[in-house]
Amino acid sequence: MRFLFKLIGLALLLAGFYFLGQNIYFTTNVYPYWWRGIAADASILFLTSGILMLFVLPRQDKALGCVALGVGIVLIFLSSRAILNPTSLWQFCLSMACFVGGYQLATTGRLNI
């Protein structure tokens, strides 16, 4: 039964990412300056490698994955190719509720209300 709750928690976490990520777009196009294209490509590489490091590396080396994610986020803003559309209050509250509920279910197997 606890495994089912953890699975539901994982599904809620993914739903929270979906609801919040619906309004974030990454675009690529021809840049007038040569470093912007490099920053956009490198941001995707750093984000992907950071997520993989968080899942694959042992616990003591997970800080390296966090560093890679941080560099990827900084490069997104340097390339200015992340478009953040407005999010409604309802959508934000729904995604945060999914995040919190999913995290609690995935880690403890129960909701602390």
N, C-alpha and C. Protein backbone atom coordinates (compact mmCIF):
# COMPACT_ATOMS: atom_id res chain seq x y z
N MET A 1 0.82 -1.19 0.00
CA MET A 1 0.00 0.00 0.00
C MET A 1 0.87 1.26 0.00
N ARG A 2 1.97 1.21 0.72
CA ARG A 2 2.87 2.36 0.78
C ARG A 2 3.50 2.64 -0.59
N PHE A 3 3.76 1.57 -1.34
CA PHE A 3 4.30 1.75 -2.69
C PHE A 3 3.31 2.47 -3.59
N LEU A 4 2.03 2.17 -3.44
CA LEU A 4 0.99 2.84 -4.21
C LEU A 4 0.95 4.33 -3.88
N PHE A 5 1.07 4.68 -2.60
CA PHE A 5 1.09 6.09 -2.21
C PHE A 5 2.31 6.81 -2.78
N LYS A 6 3.46 6.14 -2.78
CA LYS A 6 4.66 6.75 -3.36
C LYS A 6 4.51 6.93 -4.86
N LEU A 7 3.85 6.00 -5.51
CA LEU A 7 3.61 6.12 -6.95
C LEU A 7 2.64 7.27 -7.25
N ILE A 8 1.62 7.41 -6.42
CA ILE A 8 0.69 8.54 -6.57
C ILE A 8 1.43 9.86 -6.32
N GLY A 9 2.33 9.87 -5.34
CA GLY A 9 3.13 11.07 -5.07
C GLY A 9 3.99 11.45 -6.26
N LEU A 10 4.60 10.47 -6.90
CA LEU A 10 5.41 10.75 -8.09
C LEU A 10 4.54 11.31 -9.22
N ALA A 11 3.34 10.76 -9.37
CA ALA A 11 2.42 11.26 -10.40
C ALA A 11 2.00 12.70 -10.09
N LEU A 12 1.78 13.02 -8.82
CA LEU A 12 1.43 14.39 -8.45
C LEU A 12 2.59 15.35 -8.69
N LEU A 13 3.81 14.92 -8.41
CA LEU A 13 4.97 15.76 -8.71
C LEU A 13 5.08 16.05 -10.20
N LEU A 14 4.87 15.04 -11.01
CA LEU A 14 4.91 15.24 -12.46
C LEU A 14 3.78 16.16 -12.92
N ALA A 15 2.61 16.03 -12.31
CA ALA A 15 1.50 16.92 -12.65
C ALA A 15 1.82 18.36 -12.26
N GLY A 16 2.49 18.55 -11.13
CA GLY A 16 2.89 19.90 -10.72
C GLY A 16 3.87 20.52 -11.70
N PHE A 17 4.83 19.72 -12.17
CA PHE A 17 5.76 20.21 -13.19
C PHE A 17 5.02 20.55 -14.48
N TYR A 18 4.05 19.75 -14.83
CA TYR A 18 3.30 20.00 -16.05
C TYR A 18 2.52 21.31 -15.96
N PHE A 19 1.79 21.49 -14.85
CA PHE A 19 0.97 22.69 -14.71
C PHE A 19 1.81 23.96 -14.69
N LEU A 20 2.95 23.92 -14.03
CA LEU A 20 3.79 25.11 -13.96
C LEU A 20 4.60 25.29 -15.23
N GLY A 21 5.00 24.20 -15.86
CA GLY A 21 5.83 24.28 -17.04
C GLY A 21 5.09 24.54 -18.33
N GLN A 22 3.76 24.60 -18.29
CA GLN A 22 3.00 24.87 -19.49
C GLN A 22 3.31 26.24 -20.07
N ASN A 23 3.73 27.17 -19.26
CA ASN A 23 3.93 28.54 -19.71
C ASN A 23 5.40 28.92 -19.84
N ILE A 24 6.28 27.94 -19.90
CA ILE A 24 7.70 28.20 -20.09
C ILE A 24 8.11 27.61 -21.44
N TYR A 25 8.67 28.44 -22.29
CA TYR A 25 9.08 28.00 -23.61
C TYR A 25 10.56 28.29 -23.80
N PHE A 26 11.28 27.34 -24.37
CA PHE A 26 12.67 27.54 -24.76
C PHE A 26 12.69 27.65 -26.28
N THR A 27 13.26 28.73 -26.77
CA THR A 27 13.31 28.91 -28.21
C THR A 27 14.74 29.00 -28.68
N THR A 28 14.93 28.66 -29.93
CA THR A 28 16.23 28.82 -30.56
C THR A 28 16.01 29.49 -31.90
N ASN A 29 16.85 30.41 -32.25
CA ASN A 29 16.84 31.05 -33.56
C ASN A 29 18.22 31.65 -33.81
N VAL A 30 18.38 32.25 -34.95
CA VAL A 30 19.67 32.82 -35.31
C VAL A 30 19.92 34.05 -34.46
N TYR A 31 21.10 34.12 -33.88
CA TYR A 31 21.43 35.20 -32.96
C TYR A 31 22.33 36.23 -33.63
N PRO A 32 22.17 37.49 -33.30
CA PRO A 32 23.06 38.50 -33.87
C PRO A 32 24.46 38.44 -33.26
N TYR A 33 24.58 37.90 -32.08
CA TYR A 33 25.88 37.80 -31.42
C TYR A 33 26.22 36.32 -31.27
N TRP A 34 27.47 35.96 -31.46
CA TRP A 34 27.86 34.55 -31.49
C TRP A 34 27.72 33.86 -30.14
N TRP A 35 27.84 34.59 -29.01
CA TRP A 35 27.83 33.92 -27.71
C TRP A 35 26.43 33.53 -27.27
N ARG A 36 25.40 34.14 -27.82
CA ARG A 36 24.04 33.79 -27.40
C ARG A 36 23.65 32.39 -27.85
N GLY A 37 24.04 32.00 -29.04
CA GLY A 37 23.74 30.65 -29.51
C GLY A 37 24.46 29.60 -28.68
N ILE A 38 25.68 29.90 -28.29
CA ILE A 38 26.45 28.97 -27.46
C ILE A 38 25.80 28.85 -26.08
N ALA A 39 25.34 29.96 -25.51
CA ALA A 39 24.71 29.92 -24.19
C ALA A 39 23.41 29.11 -24.24
N ALA A 40 22.65 29.24 -25.31
CA ALA A 40 21.40 28.48 -25.41
C ALA A 40 21.67 26.99 -25.53
N ASP A 41 22.63 26.61 -26.35
CA ASP A 41 22.96 25.19 -26.50
C ASP A 41 23.55 24.62 -25.21
N ALA A 42 24.43 25.39 -24.60
CA ALA A 42 25.07 24.91 -23.37
C ALA A 42 24.06 24.81 -22.23
N SER A 43 23.05 25.68 -22.21
CA SER A 43 22.07 25.61 -21.13
C SER A 43 21.30 24.30 -21.19
N ILE A 44 20.92 23.86 -22.38
CA ILE A 44 20.21 22.59 -22.51
C ILE A 44 21.12 21.43 -22.10
N LEU A 45 22.38 21.48 -22.50
CA LEU A 45 23.33 20.42 -22.11
C LEU A 45 23.55 20.38 -20.61
N PHE A 46 23.73 21.55 -19.98
CA PHE A 46 23.95 21.57 -18.54
C PHE A 46 22.70 21.13 -17.77
N LEU A 47 21.52 21.55 -18.21
CA LEU A 47 20.29 21.13 -17.53
C LEU A 47 20.08 19.62 -17.64
N THR A 48 20.30 19.08 -18.81
CA THR A 48 20.12 17.64 -19.01
C THR A 48 21.14 16.84 -18.21
N SER A 49 22.39 17.27 -18.25
CA SER A 49 23.42 16.54 -17.50
C SER A 49 23.21 16.69 -16.00
N GLY A 50 22.75 17.85 -15.54
CA GLY A 50 22.48 18.03 -14.11
C GLY A 50 21.38 17.12 -13.61
N ILE A 51 20.31 16.99 -14.39
CA ILE A 51 19.23 16.10 -13.98
C ILE A 51 19.71 14.65 -13.97
N LEU A 52 20.46 14.26 -14.98
CA LEU A 52 20.99 12.90 -15.00
C LEU A 52 21.93 12.64 -13.82
N MET A 53 22.78 13.64 -13.49
CA MET A 53 23.69 13.48 -12.35
C MET A 53 22.93 13.32 -11.04
N LEU A 54 21.82 14.04 -10.89
CA LEU A 54 21.04 13.91 -9.65
C LEU A 54 20.45 12.51 -9.50
N PHE A 55 20.14 11.86 -10.60
CA PHE A 55 19.56 10.53 -10.53
C PHE A 55 20.60 9.42 -10.50
N VAL A 56 21.77 9.63 -11.10
CA VAL A 56 22.73 8.55 -11.29
C VAL A 56 23.84 8.55 -10.24
N LEU A 57 24.37 9.71 -9.90
CA LEU A 57 25.52 9.77 -9.00
C LEU A 57 25.16 9.37 -7.58
N PRO A 58 26.14 8.90 -6.82
CA PRO A 58 25.87 8.59 -5.41
C PRO A 58 25.56 9.85 -4.61
N ARG A 59 25.05 9.65 -3.42
CA ARG A 59 24.55 10.76 -2.60
C ARG A 59 25.61 11.83 -2.34
N GLN A 60 26.84 11.47 -2.10
CA GLN A 60 27.87 12.46 -1.78
C GLN A 60 28.28 13.30 -2.98
N ASP A 61 27.96 12.86 -4.20
CA ASP A 61 28.34 13.59 -5.41
C ASP A 61 27.17 14.32 -6.06
N LYS A 62 26.00 14.35 -5.42
CA LYS A 62 24.84 15.00 -6.01
C LYS A 62 24.99 16.51 -6.06
N ALA A 63 25.90 17.08 -5.30
CA ALA A 63 26.13 18.52 -5.36
C ALA A 63 26.64 18.93 -6.74
N LEU A 64 27.35 18.04 -7.40
CA LEU A 64 27.82 18.32 -8.75
C LEU A 64 26.64 18.48 -9.72
N GLY A 65 25.61 17.69 -9.54
CA GLY A 65 24.40 17.82 -10.35
C GLY A 65 23.69 19.14 -10.09
N CYS A 66 23.67 19.57 -8.82
CA CYS A 66 23.06 20.87 -8.49
C CYS A 66 23.84 22.01 -9.11
N VAL A 67 25.16 21.90 -9.14
CA VAL A 67 25.98 22.94 -9.77
C VAL A 67 25.69 23.00 -11.26
N ALA A 68 25.57 21.84 -11.91
CA ALA A 68 25.28 21.81 -13.34
C ALA A 68 23.90 22.41 -13.63
N LEU A 69 22.92 22.13 -12.77
CA LEU A 69 21.60 22.74 -12.95
C LEU A 69 21.67 24.26 -12.78
N GLY A 70 22.43 24.73 -11.80
CA GLY A 70 22.58 26.16 -11.59
C GLY A 70 23.23 26.85 -12.77
N VAL A 71 24.27 26.24 -13.33
CA VAL A 71 24.94 26.81 -14.50
C VAL A 71 23.97 26.84 -15.69
N GLY A 72 23.18 25.79 -15.84
CA GLY A 72 22.20 25.76 -16.93
C GLY A 72 21.15 26.86 -16.80
N ILE A 73 20.70 27.11 -15.58
CA ILE A 73 19.71 28.17 -15.36
C ILE A 73 20.32 29.54 -15.64
N VAL A 74 21.55 29.75 -15.21
CA VAL A 74 22.22 31.03 -15.49
C VAL A 74 22.40 31.22 -16.99
N LEU A 75 22.76 30.16 -17.70
CA LEU A 75 22.94 30.27 -19.15
C LEU A 75 21.63 30.53 -19.88
N ILE A 76 20.53 30.04 -19.34
CA ILE A 76 19.22 30.34 -19.95
C ILE A 76 18.97 31.85 -19.92
N PHE A 77 19.26 32.46 -18.78
CA PHE A 77 19.02 33.90 -18.68
C PHE A 77 20.03 34.70 -19.48
N LEU A 78 21.24 34.18 -19.64
CA LEU A 78 22.23 34.87 -20.47
C LEU A 78 21.85 34.83 -21.94
N SER A 79 21.27 33.71 -22.37
CA SER A 79 20.90 33.61 -23.78
C SER A 79 19.56 34.29 -24.05
N SER A 80 18.82 34.60 -23.02
CA SER A 80 17.51 35.26 -23.09
C SER A 80 16.57 34.56 -24.05
N ARG A 81 16.58 33.27 -24.02
CA ARG A 81 15.70 32.51 -24.89
C ARG A 81 14.72 31.66 -24.10
N ALA A 82 14.50 31.96 -22.86
CA ALA A 82 13.45 31.32 -22.10
C ALA A 82 12.30 32.31 -22.01
N ILE A 83 11.16 31.95 -22.56
CA ILE A 83 10.00 32.83 -22.57
C ILE A 83 9.07 32.38 -21.46
N LEU A 84 8.82 33.25 -20.51
CA LEU A 84 7.94 32.95 -19.39
C LEU A 84 6.62 33.68 -19.60
N ASN A 85 5.59 32.95 -19.97
CA ASN A 85 4.27 33.54 -20.16
C ASN A 85 3.58 33.69 -18.81
N PRO A 86 2.63 34.59 -18.69
CA PRO A 86 1.91 34.76 -17.42
C PRO A 86 1.18 33.49 -17.02
N THR A 87 1.13 33.26 -15.72
CA THR A 87 0.45 32.11 -15.16
C THR A 87 -0.70 32.60 -14.30
N SER A 88 -1.86 31.97 -14.41
CA SER A 88 -2.99 32.37 -13.59
C SER A 88 -2.77 31.92 -12.15
N LEU A 89 -3.43 32.59 -11.24
CA LEU A 89 -3.31 32.25 -9.82
C LEU A 89 -3.82 30.84 -9.57
N TRP A 90 -4.88 30.45 -10.25
CA TRP A 90 -5.44 29.11 -10.11
C TRP A 90 -4.42 28.05 -10.53
N GLN A 91 -3.76 28.28 -11.66
CA GLN A 91 -2.78 27.33 -12.17
C GLN A 91 -1.58 27.25 -11.23
N PHE A 92 -1.14 28.38 -10.69
CA PHE A 92 -0.02 28.39 -9.76
C PHE A 92 -0.36 27.64 -8.47
N CYS A 93 -1.55 27.90 -7.92
CA CYS A 93 -1.96 27.21 -6.68
C CYS A 93 -2.11 25.72 -6.91
N LEU A 94 -2.66 25.34 -8.06
CA LEU A 94 -2.81 23.93 -8.38
C LEU A 94 -1.45 23.24 -8.50
N SER A 95 -0.50 23.89 -9.15
CA SER A 95 0.82 23.27 -9.31
C SER A 95 1.54 23.18 -7.96
N MET A 96 1.43 24.20 -7.11
CA MET A 96 2.07 24.14 -5.80
C MET A 96 1.44 23.07 -4.92
N ALA A 97 0.12 22.91 -4.99
CA ALA A 97 -0.54 21.85 -4.23
C ALA A 97 -0.08 20.48 -4.70
N CYS A 98 0.08 20.32 -6.01
CA CYS A 98 0.58 19.05 -6.55
C CYS A 98 2.01 18.81 -6.11
N PHE A 99 2.85 19.86 -6.12
CA PHE A 99 4.23 19.73 -5.66
C PHE A 99 4.29 19.27 -4.20
N VAL A 100 3.60 19.99 -3.34
CA VAL A 100 3.68 19.71 -1.90
C VAL A 100 3.08 18.35 -1.58
N GLY A 101 1.89 18.08 -2.10
CA GLY A 101 1.26 16.78 -1.84
C GLY A 101 2.04 15.63 -2.42
N GLY A 102 2.55 15.80 -3.63
CA GLY A 102 3.33 14.75 -4.26
C GLY A 102 4.64 14.49 -3.53
N TYR A 103 5.29 15.56 -3.08
CA TYR A 103 6.55 15.38 -2.35
C TYR A 103 6.31 14.66 -1.02
N GLN A 104 5.26 15.05 -0.30
CA GLN A 104 4.97 14.39 0.96
C GLN A 104 4.62 12.93 0.76
N LEU A 105 3.83 12.63 -0.25
CA LEU A 105 3.48 11.24 -0.51
C LEU A 105 4.69 10.43 -0.97
N ALA A 106 5.54 11.03 -1.79
CA ALA A 106 6.70 10.30 -2.30
C ALA A 106 7.73 10.04 -1.22
N THR A 107 7.90 10.96 -0.28
CA THR A 107 8.94 10.78 0.74
C THR A 107 8.44 10.04 1.97
N THR A 108 7.24 10.37 2.47
CA THR A 108 6.76 9.76 3.71
C THR A 108 5.67 8.71 3.50
N GLY A 109 4.97 8.80 2.37
CA GLY A 109 3.88 7.86 2.13
C GLY A 109 2.56 8.30 2.71
N ARG A 110 2.49 9.54 3.25
CA ARG A 110 1.24 10.06 3.78
C ARG A 110 1.25 11.57 3.67
N LEU A 111 0.06 12.16 3.78
CA LEU A 111 -0.08 13.63 3.72
C LEU A 111 -0.17 14.19 5.13
N ASN A 112 0.57 15.23 5.41
CA ASN A 112 0.50 15.92 6.70
C ASN A 112 -0.39 17.14 6.53
N ILE A 113 -1.64 17.00 6.88
CA ILE A 113 -2.60 18.11 6.71
C ILE A 113 -2.83 18.78 8.03
